[in-house]
PDB file of N, CA and C in Angstrom:
ATOM      1  N   MET A   1     100.173 100.551  83.548  1.00  0.00           N
ATOM      2  CA  MET A   1     100.070 101.225  82.817  1.00  0.00           C
ATOM      3  C   MET A   1     101.536 102.397  81.746  1.00  0.00           C
ATOM      4  N   ALA A   2     103.116 101.690  82.423  1.00  0.00           N
ATOM      5  CA  ALA A   2     103.936 102.250  81.530  1.00  0.00           C
ATOM      6  C   ALA A   2     103.884 101.949  80.181  1.00  0.00           C
ATOM      7  N   HIS A   3     103.268 100.195  80.087  1.00  0.00           N
ATOM      8  CA  HIS A   3     103.665  99.193  78.799  1.00  0.00           C
ATOM      9  C   HIS A   3     102.570  99.949  77.990  1.00  0.00           C
ATOM     10  N   ILE A   4     101.443 100.606  78.547  1.00  0.00           N
ATOM     11  CA  ILE A   4     100.794 101.194  77.802  1.00  0.00           C
ATOM     12  C   ILE A   4     101.435 102.615  77.062  1.00  0.00           C
ATOM     13  N   LEU A   5     101.993 103.431  77.812  1.00  0.00           N
ATOM     14  CA  LEU A   5     102.685 104.708  77.442  1.00  0.00           C
ATOM     15  C   LEU A   5     103.760 104.467  76.415  1.00  0.00           C
ATOM     16  N   ARG A   6     104.424 103.668  76.465  1.00  0.00           N
ATOM     17  CA  ARG A   6     105.566 103.136  75.808  1.00  0.00           C
ATOM     18  C   ARG A   6     104.856 102.302  74.553  1.00  0.00           C
ATOM     19  N   ALA A   7     103.836 102.694  74.710  1.00  0.00           N
ATOM     20  CA  ALA A   7     103.370 101.675  72.829  1.00  0.00           C
ATOM     21  C   ALA A   7     103.361 102.839  71.940  1.00  0.00           C
ATOM     22  N   PRO A   8     103.514 102.620  71.070  1.00  0.00           N
ATOM     23  CA  PRO A   8     102.650 103.184  69.590  1.00  0.00           C
ATOM     24  C   PRO A   8     101.427 103.753  69.997  1.00  0.00           C
ATOM     25  N   ILE A   9     101.704 105.391  69.755  1.00  0.00           N
ATOM     26  CA  ILE A   9     100.385 105.418  70.036  1.00  0.00           C
ATOM     27  C   ILE A   9      99.412 105.846  68.732  1.00  0.00           C
ATOM     28  N   GLU A  10      99.432 105.044  67.829  1.00  0.00           N
ATOM     29  CA  GLU A  10      98.927 104.651  66.798  1.00  0.00           C
ATOM     30  C   GLU A  10      97.348 103.298  67.152  1.00  0.00           C
ATOM     31  N   LEU A  11      98.726 102.293  68.245  1.00  0.00           N
ATOM     32  CA  LEU A  11      98.114 101.477  68.560  1.00  0.00           C
ATOM     33  C   LEU A  11      96.786 100.931  70.053  1.00  0.00           C
ATOM     34  N   VAL A  12      97.788 102.604  70.479  1.00  0.00           N
ATOM     35  CA  VAL A  12      96.737 102.161  71.947  1.00  0.00           C
ATOM     36  C   VAL A  12      95.670 103.316  71.889  1.00  0.00           C
ATOM     37  N   ARG A  13      95.671 104.458  70.787  1.00  0.00           N
ATOM     38  CA  ARG A  13      94.782 105.086  70.648  1.00  0.00           C
ATOM     39  C   ARG A  13      93.143 104.400  70.561  1.00  0.00           C
ATOM     40  N   THR A  14      92.344 105.679  71.767  1.00  0.00           N
ATOM     41  CA  THR A  14      90.836 104.523  72.051  1.00  0.00           C
ATOM     42  C   THR A  14      90.728 103.489  72.174  1.00  0.00           C
ATOM     43  N   GLN A  15      91.823 102.640  72.502  1.00  0.00           N
ATOM     44  CA  GLN A  15      91.641 101.253  72.653  1.00  0.00           C
ATOM     45  C   GLN A  15      91.002 101.132  74.435  1.00  0.00           C
ATOM     46  N   ILE A  16      89.948 100.013  74.687  1.00  0.00           N
ATOM     47  CA  ILE A  16      89.973  99.964  75.800  1.00  0.00           C
ATOM     48  C   ILE A  16      90.801  98.617  76.113  1.00  0.00           C
ATOM     49  N   TYR A  17      91.829  98.683  76.942  1.00  0.00           N
ATOM     50  CA  TYR A  17      91.615  96.990  77.754  1.00  0.00           C
ATOM     51  C   TYR A  17      91.410  96.993  79.188  1.00  0.00           C
ATOM     52  N   ASN A  18      91.379  95.448  79.527  1.00  0.00           N
ATOM     53  CA  ASN A  18      91.250  94.625  80.452  1.00  0.00           C
ATOM     54  C   ASN A  18      92.907  95.007  81.201  1.00  0.00           C
ATOM     55  N   VAL A  19      93.170  94.600  81.974  1.00  0.00           N
ATOM     56  CA  VAL A  19      94.550  95.110  82.497  1.00  0.00           C
ATOM     57  C   VAL A  19      94.639  94.075  83.639  1.00  0.00           C
ATOM     58  N   GLY A  20      94.765  93.101  83.561  1.00  0.00           N
ATOM     59  CA  GLY A  20      95.438  91.909  84.641  1.00  0.00           C
ATOM     60  C   GLY A  20      95.958  90.461  83.715  1.00  0.00           C
ATOM     61  N   ASP A  21      95.529  89.451  83.664  1.00  0.00           N
ATOM     62  CA  ASP A  21      96.024  87.937  83.976  1.00  0.00           C
ATOM     63  C   ASP A  21      95.219  87.135  83.762  1.00  0.00           C
ATOM     64  N   ASN A  22      94.937  86.028  82.438  1.00  0.00           N
ATOM     65  CA  ASN A  22      93.918  85.396  82.364  1.00  0.00           C
ATOM     66  C   ASN A  22      93.706  84.044  83.701  1.00  0.00           C
ATOM     67  N   GLN A  23      94.558  83.692  84.167  1.00  0.00           N
ATOM     68  CA  GLN A  23      95.633  83.095  85.548  1.00  0.00           C
ATOM     69  C   GLN A  23      94.832  83.661  86.738  1.00  0.00           C
ATOM     70  N   LEU A  24      95.248  84.818  86.465  1.00  0.00           N
ATOM     71  CA  LEU A  24      94.699  85.935  88.131  1.00  0.00           C
ATOM     72  C   LEU A  24      92.655  85.954  87.670  1.00  0.00           C
ATOM     73  N   ASN A  25      92.183  85.394  87.233  1.00  0.00           N
ATOM     74  CA  ASN A  25      90.558  85.776  86.761  1.00  0.00           C
ATOM     75  C   ASN A  25      89.633  85.383  87.784  1.00  0.00           C
ATOM     76  N   TYR A  26      89.599  85.691  89.074  1.00  0.00           N
ATOM     77  CA  TYR A  26      88.849  84.889  90.095  1.00  0.00           C
ATOM     78  C   TYR A  26      86.997  85.430  90.272  1.00  0.00           C
ATOM     79  N   ARG A  27      86.291  84.605  90.617  1.00  0.00           N
ATOM     80  CA  ARG A  27      85.072  84.860  91.149  1.00  0.00           C
ATOM     81  C   ARG A  27      85.192  85.263  92.563  1.00  0.00           C
ATOM     82  N   ILE A  28      84.315  86.077  93.485  1.00  0.00           N
ATOM     83  CA  ILE A  28      83.947  86.920  93.724  1.00  0.00           C
ATOM     84  C   ILE A  28      83.991  86.283  95.315  1.00  0.00           C
ATOM     85  N   ALA A  29      83.633  84.927  95.458  1.00  0.00           N
ATOM     86  CA  ALA A  29      83.088  84.914  96.691  1.00  0.00           C
ATOM     87  C   ALA A  29      84.984  83.996  96.779  1.00  0.00           C
ATOM     88  N   HIS A  30      85.590  83.030  95.330  1.00  0.00           N
ATOM     89  CA  HIS A  30      87.206  83.237  95.129  1.00  0.00           C
ATOM     90  C   HIS A  30      87.951  84.225  96.529  1.00  0.00           C
ATOM     91  N   LEU A  31      87.687  85.479  95.838  1.00  0.00           N
ATOM     92  CA  LEU A  31      88.648  86.607  96.914  1.00  0.00           C
ATOM     93  C   LEU A  31      88.112  86.710  98.562  1.00  0.00           C
ATOM     94  N   GLY A  32      87.057  86.628  98.084  1.00  0.00           N
ATOM     95  CA  GLY A  32      86.538  87.155  99.808  1.00  0.00           C
ATOM     96  C   GLY A  32      86.884  85.738 100.846  1.00  0.00           C
ATOM     97  N   ARG A  33      87.268  83.926 100.213  1.00  0.00           N
ATOM     98  CA  ARG A  33      87.906  83.598 101.087  1.00  0.00           C
ATOM     99  C   ARG A  33      89.734  84.234 100.759  1.00  0.00           C
ATOM    100  N   LYS A  34      90.108  84.415 100.244  1.00  0.00           N
ATOM    101  CA  LYS A  34      91.536  84.895  99.984  1.00  0.00           C
ATOM    102  C   LYS A  34      91.340  85.754 101.378  1.00  0.00           C
ATOM    103  N   VAL A  35      90.409  86.771 101.516  1.00  0.00           N
ATOM    104  CA  VAL A  35      90.623  88.519 102.005  1.00  0.00           C
ATOM    105  C   VAL A  35      90.798  87.342 104.123  1.00  0.00           C
ATOM    106  N   GLY A  36      89.828  86.637 103.553  1.00  0.00           N
ATOM    107  CA  GLY A  36      89.451  85.816 105.045  1.00  0.00           C
ATOM    108  C   GLY A  36      90.857  84.794 105.184  1.00  0.00           C
ATOM    109  N   GLU A  37      91.757  84.092 104.752  1.00  0.00           N
ATOM    110  CA  GLU A  37      92.495  83.807 104.728  1.00  0.00           C
ATOM    111  C   GLU A  37      93.708  84.830 105.116  1.00  0.00           C
ATOM    112  N   LEU A  38      94.247  85.818 104.468  1.00  0.00           N
ATOM    113  CA  LEU A  38      94.917  86.984 104.323  1.00  0.00           C
ATOM    114  C   LEU A  38      94.640  87.769 104.970  1.00  0.00           C
ATOM    115  N   VAL A  39      93.593  87.744 106.314  1.00  0.00           N
ATOM    116  CA  VAL A  39      93.502  89.083 106.631  1.00  0.00           C
ATOM    117  C   VAL A  39      93.044  88.504 108.128  1.00  0.00           C
ATOM    118  N   PRO A  40      93.996  88.827 109.549  1.00  0.00           N
ATOM    119  CA  PRO A  40      93.692  88.351 110.367  1.00  0.00           C
ATOM    120  C   PRO A  40      92.587  89.545 111.262  1.00  0.00           C
ATOM    121  N   GLY A  41      91.593  88.291 111.917  1.00  0.00           N
ATOM    122  CA  GLY A  41      90.460  89.059 112.501  1.00  0.00           C
ATOM    123  C   GLY A  41      89.355  89.577 111.474  1.00  0.00           C
ATOM    124  N   SER A  42      89.433  89.067 109.980  1.00  0.00           N
ATOM    125  CA  SER A  42      89.003  89.484 109.444  1.00  0.00           C
ATOM    126  C   SER A  42      87.338  88.353 109.623  1.00  0.00           C
ATOM    127  N   ASN A  43      86.276  88.633 109.034  1.00  0.00           N
ATOM    128  CA  ASN A  43      84.978  88.065 108.934  1.00  0.00           C
ATOM    129  C   ASN A  43      84.316  87.942 107.746  1.00  0.00           C
ATOM    130  N   VAL A  44      84.864  87.456 106.477  1.00  0.00           N
ATOM    131  CA  VAL A  44      83.831  87.332 105.815  1.00  0.00           C
ATOM    132  C   VAL A  44      82.564  86.469 105.771  1.00  0.00           C
ATOM    133  N   HIS A  45      81.391  87.659 105.127  1.00  0.00           N
ATOM    134  CA  HIS A  45      79.830  86.342 105.018  1.00  0.00           C
ATOM    135  C   HIS A  45      79.818  87.336 103.899  1.00  0.00           C
ATOM    136  N   PHE A  46      79.174  85.710 103.267  1.00  0.00           N
ATOM    137  CA  PHE A  46      78.644  85.763 101.794  1.00  0.00           C
ATOM    138  C   PHE A  46      77.324  85.173 101.481  1.00  0.00           C
ATOM    139  N   GLU A  47      76.675  86.360 100.737  1.00  0.00           N
ATOM    140  CA  GLU A  47      74.748  86.619 100.485  1.00  0.00           C
ATOM    141  C   GLU A  47      74.432  85.975  99.532  1.00  0.00           C
ATOM    142  N   THR A  48      73.291  85.676  99.345  1.00  0.00           N
ATOM    143  CA  THR A  48      73.461  85.534  97.627  1.00  0.00           C
ATOM    144  C   THR A  48      72.534  86.228  97.542  1.00  0.00           C
ATOM    145  N   ASP A  49      72.560  86.476  96.361  1.00  0.00           N
ATOM    146  CA  ASP A  49      71.712  87.522  95.067  1.00  0.00           C
ATOM    147  C   ASP A  49      71.090  86.994  94.461  1.00  0.00           C
ATOM    148  N   ASP A  50      69.928  86.368  94.316  1.00  0.00           N
ATOM    149  CA  ASP A  50      69.421  85.909  93.021  1.00  0.00           C
ATOM    150  C   ASP A  50      68.741  86.715  91.663  1.00  0.00           C
ATOM    151  N   ASN A  51      68.754  88.003  92.035  1.00  0.00           N
ATOM    152  CA  ASN A  51      68.663  89.305  91.319  1.00  0.00           C
ATOM    153  C   ASN A  51      69.847  88.719  89.853  1.00  0.00           C
ATOM    154  N   ASP A  52      70.936  88.781  90.525  1.00  0.00           N
ATOM    155  CA  ASP A  52      72.083  89.247  90.171  1.00  0.00           C
ATOM    156  C   ASP A  52      73.175  87.456  89.283  1.00  0.00           C
ATOM    157  N   ALA A  53      72.928  86.847  88.580  1.00  0.00           N
ATOM    158  CA  ALA A  53      73.478  85.718  88.418  1.00  0.00           C
ATOM    159  C   ALA A  53      74.962  86.180  87.088  1.00  0.00           C
ATOM    160  N   ARG A  54      75.472  87.331  87.677  1.00  0.00           N
ATOM    161  CA  ARG A  54      76.575  87.524  85.870  1.00  0.00           C
ATOM    162  C   ARG A  54      77.269  86.335  87.290  1.00  0.00           C
ATOM    163  N   ASN A  55      77.906  85.677  85.575  1.00  0.00           N
ATOM    164  CA  ASN A  55      78.948  84.666  85.425  1.00  0.00           C
ATOM    165  C   ASN A  55      80.264  85.028  84.648  1.00  0.00           C
ATOM    166  N   TYR A  56      80.712  85.865  84.395  1.00  0.00           N
ATOM    167  CA  TYR A  56      81.878  85.588  83.414  1.00  0.00           C
ATOM    168  C   TYR A  56      83.670  86.036  83.477  1.00  0.00           C
ATOM    169  N   ARG A  57      84.478  85.743  83.329  1.00  0.00           N
ATOM    170  CA  ARG A  57      84.659  85.727  83.038  1.00  0.00           C
ATOM    171  C   ARG A  57      85.888  86.769  82.049  1.00  0.00           C
ATOM    172  N   VAL A  58      87.235  87.550  82.594  1.00  0.00           N
ATOM    173  CA  VAL A  58      87.232  88.860  81.716  1.00  0.00           C
ATOM    174  C   VAL A  58      88.574  88.125  80.989  1.00  0.00           C
ATOM    175  N   SER A  59      88.928  88.777  79.729  1.00  0.00           N
ATOM    176  CA  SER A  59      90.043  87.731  78.723  1.00  0.00           C
ATOM    177  C   SER A  59      90.752  89.240  78.776  1.00  0.00           C
ATOM    178  N   PHE A  60      92.189  88.708  79.105  1.00  0.00           N
ATOM    179  CA  PHE A  60      93.663  89.783  78.979  1.00  0.00           C
ATOM    180  C   PHE A  60      94.072  89.912  77.948  1.00  0.00           C
ATOM    181  N   ASP A  61      93.614  88.687  76.980  1.00  0.00           N
ATOM    182  CA  ASP A  61      94.727  88.484  75.808  1.00  0.00           C
ATOM    183  C   ASP A  61      95.241  90.031  74.688  1.00  0.00           C
ATOM    184  N   LYS A  62      94.304  90.751  74.681  1.00  0.00           N
ATOM    185  CA  LYS A  62      94.174  91.754  74.588  1.00  0.00           C
ATOM    186  C   LYS A  62      95.606  93.270  74.568  1.00  0.00           C
ATOM    187  N   ILE A  63      95.447  92.911  76.471  1.00  0.00           N
ATOM    188  CA  ILE A  63      96.340  93.345  76.133  1.00  0.00           C
ATOM    189  C   ILE A  63      98.189  93.146  76.552  1.00  0.00           C
ATOM    190  N   HIS A  64      97.790  91.390  76.573  1.00  0.00           N
ATOM    191  CA  HIS A  64      99.339  90.689  76.398  1.00  0.00           C
ATOM    192  C   HIS A  64      99.851  90.440  75.166  1.00  0.00           C
ATOM    193  N   ARG A  65      98.846  90.208  74.035  1.00  0.00           N
ATOM    194  CA  ARG A  65      98.853  90.777  72.813  1.00  0.00           C
ATOM    195  C   ARG A  65      99.290  91.694  72.460  1.00  0.00           C
ATOM    196  N   GLU A  66      98.571  92.977  72.385  1.00  0.00           N
ATOM    197  CA  GLU A  66      98.983  93.900  71.310  1.00  0.00           C
ATOM    198  C   GLU A  66     100.581  95.372  72.170  1.00  0.00           C
ATOM    199  N   VAL A  67     100.415  94.981  73.795  1.00  0.00           N
ATOM    200  CA  VAL A  67     101.686  95.696  74.408  1.00  0.00           C
ATOM    201  C   VAL A  67     102.252  95.067  75.566  1.00  0.00           C
ATOM    202  N   GLY A  68     102.440  94.099  75.114  1.00  0.00           N
ATOM    203  CA  GLY A  68     103.068  92.541  76.588  1.00  0.00           C
ATOM    204  C   GLY A  68     102.804  92.878  77.619  1.00  0.00           C
ATOM    205  N   PHE A  69     101.519  93.161  78.170  1.00  0.00           N
ATOM    206  CA  PHE A  69     101.851  93.568  79.429  1.00  0.00           C
ATOM    207  C   PHE A  69     101.261  92.455  80.033  1.00  0.00           C
ATOM    208  N   ARG A  70     102.076  92.237  81.491  1.00  0.00           N
ATOM    209  CA  ARG A  70     102.134  90.659  82.428  1.00  0.00           C
ATOM    210  C   ARG A  70     102.062  90.959  83.368  1.00  0.00           C
ATOM    211  N   PRO A  71     101.293  90.988  84.407  1.00  0.00           N
ATOM    212  CA  PRO A  71     100.797  91.307  85.952  1.00  0.00           C
ATOM    213  C   PRO A  71     102.352  91.106  87.046  1.00  0.00           C
ATOM    214  N   GLU A  72     102.707  91.794  87.482  1.00  0.00           N
ATOM    215  CA  GLU A  72     103.952  91.679  87.892  1.00  0.00           C
ATOM    216  C   GLU A  72     103.476  91.119  89.699  1.00  0.00           C
ATOM    217  N   HIS A  73     102.667  91.188  90.063  1.00  0.00           N
ATOM    218  CA  HIS A  73     102.408  90.896  91.482  1.00  0.00           C
ATOM    219  C   HIS A  73     100.702  90.072  90.978  1.00  0.00           C
ATOM    220  N   ASP A  74     100.199  89.033  92.493  1.00  0.00           N
ATOM    221  CA  ASP A  74      99.520  88.101  92.269  1.00  0.00           C
ATOM    222  C   ASP A  74      98.565  88.413  93.492  1.00  0.00           C
ATOM    223  N   LEU A  75      97.193  87.502  93.409  1.00  0.00           N
ATOM    224  CA  LEU A  75      95.773  88.293  94.025  1.00  0.00           C
ATOM    225  C   LEU A  75      96.563  88.562  96.047  1.00  0.00           C
ATOM    226  N   ASP A  76      96.791  87.479  96.127  1.00  0.00           N
ATOM    227  CA  ASP A  76      97.899  87.338  97.593  1.00  0.00           C
ATOM    228  C   ASP A  76      98.341  88.951  97.920  1.00  0.00           C
ATOM    229  N   TYR A  77      99.671  89.106  96.991  1.00  0.00           N
ATOM    230  CA  TYR A  77     100.340  90.462  97.418  1.00  0.00           C
ATOM    231  C   TYR A  77      99.835  91.187  97.210  1.00  0.00           C
ATOM    232  N   GLY A  78      98.228  91.596  96.016  1.00  0.00           N
ATOM    233  CA  GLY A  78      96.948  92.537  96.143  1.00  0.00           C
ATOM    234  C   GLY A  78      96.651  93.052  97.545  1.00  0.00           C
ATOM    235  N   ILE A  79      96.335  91.766  97.861  1.00  0.00           N
ATOM    236  CA  ILE A  79      95.414  91.607  99.433  1.00  0.00           C
ATOM    237  C   ILE A  79      96.121  92.435 100.456  1.00  0.00           C
ATOM    238  N   ARG A  80      97.213  91.761 100.795  1.00  0.00           N
ATOM    239  CA  ARG A  80      98.745  92.641 101.942  1.00  0.00           C
ATOM    240  C   ARG A  80      99.066  93.887 101.424  1.00  0.00           C
ATOM    241  N   GLU A  81      99.316  94.128 100.245  1.00  0.00           N
ATOM    242  CA  GLU A  81      99.592  95.603  99.925  1.00  0.00           C
ATOM    243  C   GLU A  81      98.560  96.516 100.551  1.00  0.00           C
ATOM    244  N   ILE A  82      97.254  96.595  99.935  1.00  0.00           N
ATOM    245  CA  ILE A  82      96.009  96.732 100.190  1.00  0.00           C
ATOM    246  C   ILE A  82      95.551  96.719 102.069  1.00  0.00           C
ATOM    247  N   VAL A  83      96.030  95.455 103.121  1.00  0.00           N
ATOM    248  CA  VAL A  83      96.079  95.801 103.925  1.00  0.00           C
ATOM    249  C   VAL A  83      96.811  97.285 105.196  1.00  0.00           C
ATOM    250  N   GLU A  84      98.286  96.846 104.121  1.00  0.00           N
ATOM    251  CA  GLU A  84      99.379  97.729 104.695  1.00  0.00           C
ATOM    252  C   GLU A  84      99.291  99.152 104.677  1.00  0.00           C
ATOM    253  N   ALA A  85      98.523  99.495 103.097  1.00  0.00           N
ATOM    254  CA  ALA A  85      98.189 101.037 103.030  1.00  0.00           C
ATOM    255  C   ALA A  85      96.768 101.305 103.988  1.00  0.00           C
ATOM    256  N   LEU A  86      95.894 100.636 104.465  1.00  0.00           N
ATOM    257  CA  LEU A  86      94.590 101.151 105.736  1.00  0.00           C
ATOM    258  C   LEU A  86      95.559 101.041 106.440  1.00  0.00           C
ATOM    259  N   LYS A  87      96.108  99.909 107.072  1.00  0.00           N
ATOM    260  CA  LYS A  87      96.945 100.010 108.262  1.00  0.00           C
ATOM    261  C   LYS A  87      98.137 101.268 108.277  1.00  0.00           C
ATOM    262  N   ARG A  88      98.901 101.920 107.493  1.00  0.00           N
ATOM    263  CA  ARG A  88      99.581 103.207 107.525  1.00  0.00           C
ATOM    264  C   ARG A  88      98.660 104.177 107.226  1.00  0.00           C
ATOM    265  N   GLY A  89      97.321 104.113 107.374  1.00  0.00           N
ATOM    266  CA  GLY A  89      96.501 105.429 107.201  1.00  0.00           C
ATOM    267  C   GLY A  89      96.788 105.436 105.622  1.00  0.00           C
ATOM    268  N   GLU A  90      96.521 105.293 104.523  1.00  0.00           N
ATOM    269  CA  GLU A  90      96.658 105.787 103.683  1.00  0.00           C
ATOM    270  C   GLU A  90      95.313 105.948 102.701  1.00  0.00           C
ATOM    271  N   VAL A  91      94.727 105.153 103.500  1.00  0.00           N
ATOM    272  CA  VAL A  91      93.087 105.566 103.092  1.00  0.00           C
ATOM    273  C   VAL A  91      91.808 105.565 103.857  1.00  0.00           C
ATOM    274  N   ASP A  92      91.882 107.309 103.644  1.00  0.00           N
ATOM    275  CA  ASP A  92      91.120 107.741 104.712  1.00  0.00           C
ATOM    276  C   ASP A  92      89.380 107.312 105.120  1.00  0.00           C
ATOM    277  N   ASP A  93      89.370 106.972 103.693  1.00  0.00           N
ATOM    278  CA  ASP A  93      87.526 106.108 104.249  1.00  0.00           C
ATOM    279  C   ASP A  93      87.465 105.436 102.789  1.00  0.00           C
ATOM    280  N   TYR A  94      87.825 104.423 102.753  1.00  0.00           N
ATOM    281  CA  TYR A  94      87.303 103.480 102.003  1.00  0.00           C
ATOM    282  C   TYR A  94      85.781 103.208 100.835  1.00  0.00           C
ATOM    283  N   ARG A  95      84.657 104.024 101.705  1.00  0.00           N
ATOM    284  CA  ARG A  95      83.417 104.050 100.838  1.00  0.00           C
ATOM    285  C   ARG A  95      83.870 105.137  99.910  1.00  0.00           C
ATOM    286  N   ASP A  96      84.846 106.149 100.663  1.00  0.00           N
ATOM    287  CA  ASP A  96      84.670 107.301  98.934  1.00  0.00           C
ATOM    288  C   ASP A  96      84.736 107.072  97.360  1.00  0.00           C
ATOM    289  N   GLU A  97      83.863 107.854  96.460  1.00  0.00           N
ATOM    290  CA  GLU A  97      83.476 107.273  95.205  1.00  0.00           C
ATOM    291  C   GLU A  97      84.996 107.497  95.066  1.00  0.00           C
ATOM    292  N   LYS A  98      86.735 108.239  95.441  1.00  0.00           N
ATOM    293  CA  LYS A  98      87.676 107.842  94.537  1.00  0.00           C
ATOM    294  C   LYS A  98      87.967 106.306  94.934  1.00  0.00           C
ATOM    295  N   TYR A  99      87.390 105.600  95.448  1.00  0.00           N
ATOM    296  CA  TYR A  99      87.828 104.114  95.542  1.00  0.00           C
ATOM    297  C   TYR A  99      86.922 102.559  94.685  1.00  0.00           C
ATOM    298  N   SER A 100      86.084 103.900  93.857  1.00  0.00           N
ATOM    299  CA  SER A 100      84.696 102.849  93.886  1.00  0.00           C
ATOM    300  C   SER A 100      84.447 103.497  92.244  1.00  0.00           C
ATOM    301  N   ASN A 101      84.921 102.045  90.891  1.00  0.00           N
ATOM    302  CA  ASN A 101      84.803 102.200  89.828  1.00  0.00           C
ATOM    303  C   ASN A 101      83.785 102.821  89.155  1.00  0.00           C
ATOM    304  N   VAL A 102      82.224 102.283  90.011  1.00  0.00           N
ATOM    305  CA  VAL A 102      80.823 102.711  89.397  1.00  0.00           C
ATOM    306  C   VAL A 102      81.338 104.175  90.117  1.00  0.00           C
ATOM    307  N   ALA A 103      81.216 104.473  91.335  1.00  0.00           N
ATOM    308  CA  ALA A 103      80.765 105.750  91.811  1.00  0.00           C
ATOM    309  C   ALA A 103      81.532 106.802  91.378  1.00  0.00           C
ATOM    310  N   TYR A 104      82.750 106.710  90.438  1.00  0.00           N
ATOM    311  CA  TYR A 104      83.428 107.819  90.209  1.00  0.00           C
ATOM    312  C   TYR A 104      83.181 107.347  88.305  1.00  0.00           C
ATOM    313  N   THR A 105      82.698 106.792  87.918  1.00  0.00           N
ATOM    314  CA  THR A 105      82.521 106.840  86.470  1.00  0.00           C
ATOM    315  C   THR A 105      80.784 107.477  86.328  1.00  0.00           C
ATOM    316  N   ARG A 106      79.989 106.985  87.202  1.00  0.00           N
ATOM    317  CA  ARG A 106      78.400 107.474  87.166  1.00  0.00           C
ATOM    318  C   ARG A 106      78.808 109.366  87.731  1.00  0.00           C
ATOM    319  N   ARG A 107      79.354 109.821  88.050  1.00  0.00           N
ATOM    320  CA  ARG A 107      79.799 111.132  88.377  1.00  0.00           C
ATOM    321  C   ARG A 107      79.947 111.566  87.465  1.00  0.00           C
ATOM    322  N   ILE A 108      81.487 111.339  86.721  1.00  0.00           N
ATOM    323  CA  ILE A 108      81.803 111.283  85.761  1.00  0.00           C
ATOM    324  C   ILE A 108      80.694 112.080  84.037  1.00  0.00           C
ATOM    325  N   LEU A 109      80.148 111.000  84.444  1.00  0.00           N
ATOM    326  CA  LEU A 109      78.826 110.551  82.762  1.00  0.00           C
ATOM    327  C   LEU A 109      77.854 112.113  83.336  1.00  0.00           C
ATOM    328  N   GLU A 110      77.338 112.036  84.600  1.00  0.00           N
ATOM    329  CA  GLU A 110      76.862 113.474  85.430  1.00  0.00           C
ATOM    330  C   GLU A 110      76.952 114.286  84.453  1.00  0.00           C
ATOM    331  N   ALA A 111      78.511 114.454  84.639  1.00  0.00           N
ATOM    332  CA  ALA A 111      78.702 116.043  84.572  1.00  0.00           C
ATOM    333  C   ALA A 111      78.939 116.279  83.318  1.00  0.00           C
ATOM    334  N   GLU A 112      79.602 115.200  82.691  1.00  0.00           N
ATOM    335  CA  GLU A 112      78.953 115.177  81.150  1.00  0.00           C
ATOM    336  C   GLU A 112      77.729 115.587  80.662  1.00  0.00           C
ATOM    337  N   LYS A 113      76.670 114.852  81.009  1.00  0.00           N
ATOM    338  CA  LYS A 113      75.558 115.207  80.630  1.00  0.00           C
ATOM    339  C   LYS A 113      75.446 116.796  81.124  1.00  0.00           C
ATOM    340  N   ARG A 114      75.524 117.344  82.667  1.00  0.00           N
ATOM    341  CA  ARG A 114      74.670 118.865  82.517  1.00  0.00           C
ATOM    342  C   ARG A 114      75.670 119.500  81.397  1.00  0.00           C
ATOM    343  N   ARG A 115      76.894 119.322  80.919  1.00  0.00           N
ATOM    344  CA  ARG A 115      77.509 120.051  80.671  1.00  0.00           C
ATOM    345  C   ARG A 115      77.337 120.312  78.788  1.00  0.00           C
ATOM    346  N   ALA A 116      76.425 119.095  78.442  1.00  0.00           N
ATOM    347  CA  ALA A 116      75.827 118.919  77.212  1.00  0.00           C
ATOM    348  C   ALA A 116      74.521 119.705  77.035  1.00  0.00           C
ATOM    349  N   GLU A 117      74.388 119.777  78.346  1.00  0.00           N
ATOM    350  CA  GLU A 117      72.869 120.592  78.239  1.00  0.00           C
ATOM    351  C   GLU A 117      72.788 121.904  78.480  1.00  0.00           C
ATOM    352  N   GLN A 118      73.962 121.905  78.779  1.00  0.00           N
ATOM    353  CA  GLN A 118      73.950 123.959  79.316  1.00  0.00           C
ATOM    354  C   GLN A 118      75.279 123.747  77.760  1.00  0.00           C
ATOM    355  N   THR A 119      75.563 123.412  76.905  1.00  0.00           N
ATOM    356  CA  THR A 119      75.568 123.552  75.773  1.00  0.00           C
ATOM    357  C   THR A 119      74.444 124.106  74.812  1.00  0.00           C
ATOM    358  N   PRO A 120      74.703 125.046  74.341  1.00  0.00           N
ATOM    359  CA  PRO A 120      73.642 125.461  72.621  1.00  0.00           C
ATOM    360  C   PRO A 120      73.862 124.938  71.868  1.00  0.00           C
TER     361      PRO A 120
END
């Protein structure tokens, strides 16, 4: 975030950036296996969904090139950080929409739609 805030406004205004690193581009199954390795007592179960065959890699070239962003931490660090936050009680309900990009975005879009419908 600091990289974006320090960048010239003309460069970052209206831009969308994938935040991460091409070397840290994982599939969900890999993430699940990592959680299983790093979280004592966890039980990771894989299910297949033949209706959703998405498989893609996200490019982080733009954020590297334009603002010089590079992540400071890797996947293992992130998993351990989340586990510690859960242990400290910093996450009250992981199912809350504030922890879900999809739910949060859906709520914002619905609010915008209601606002547009109310505007003459």
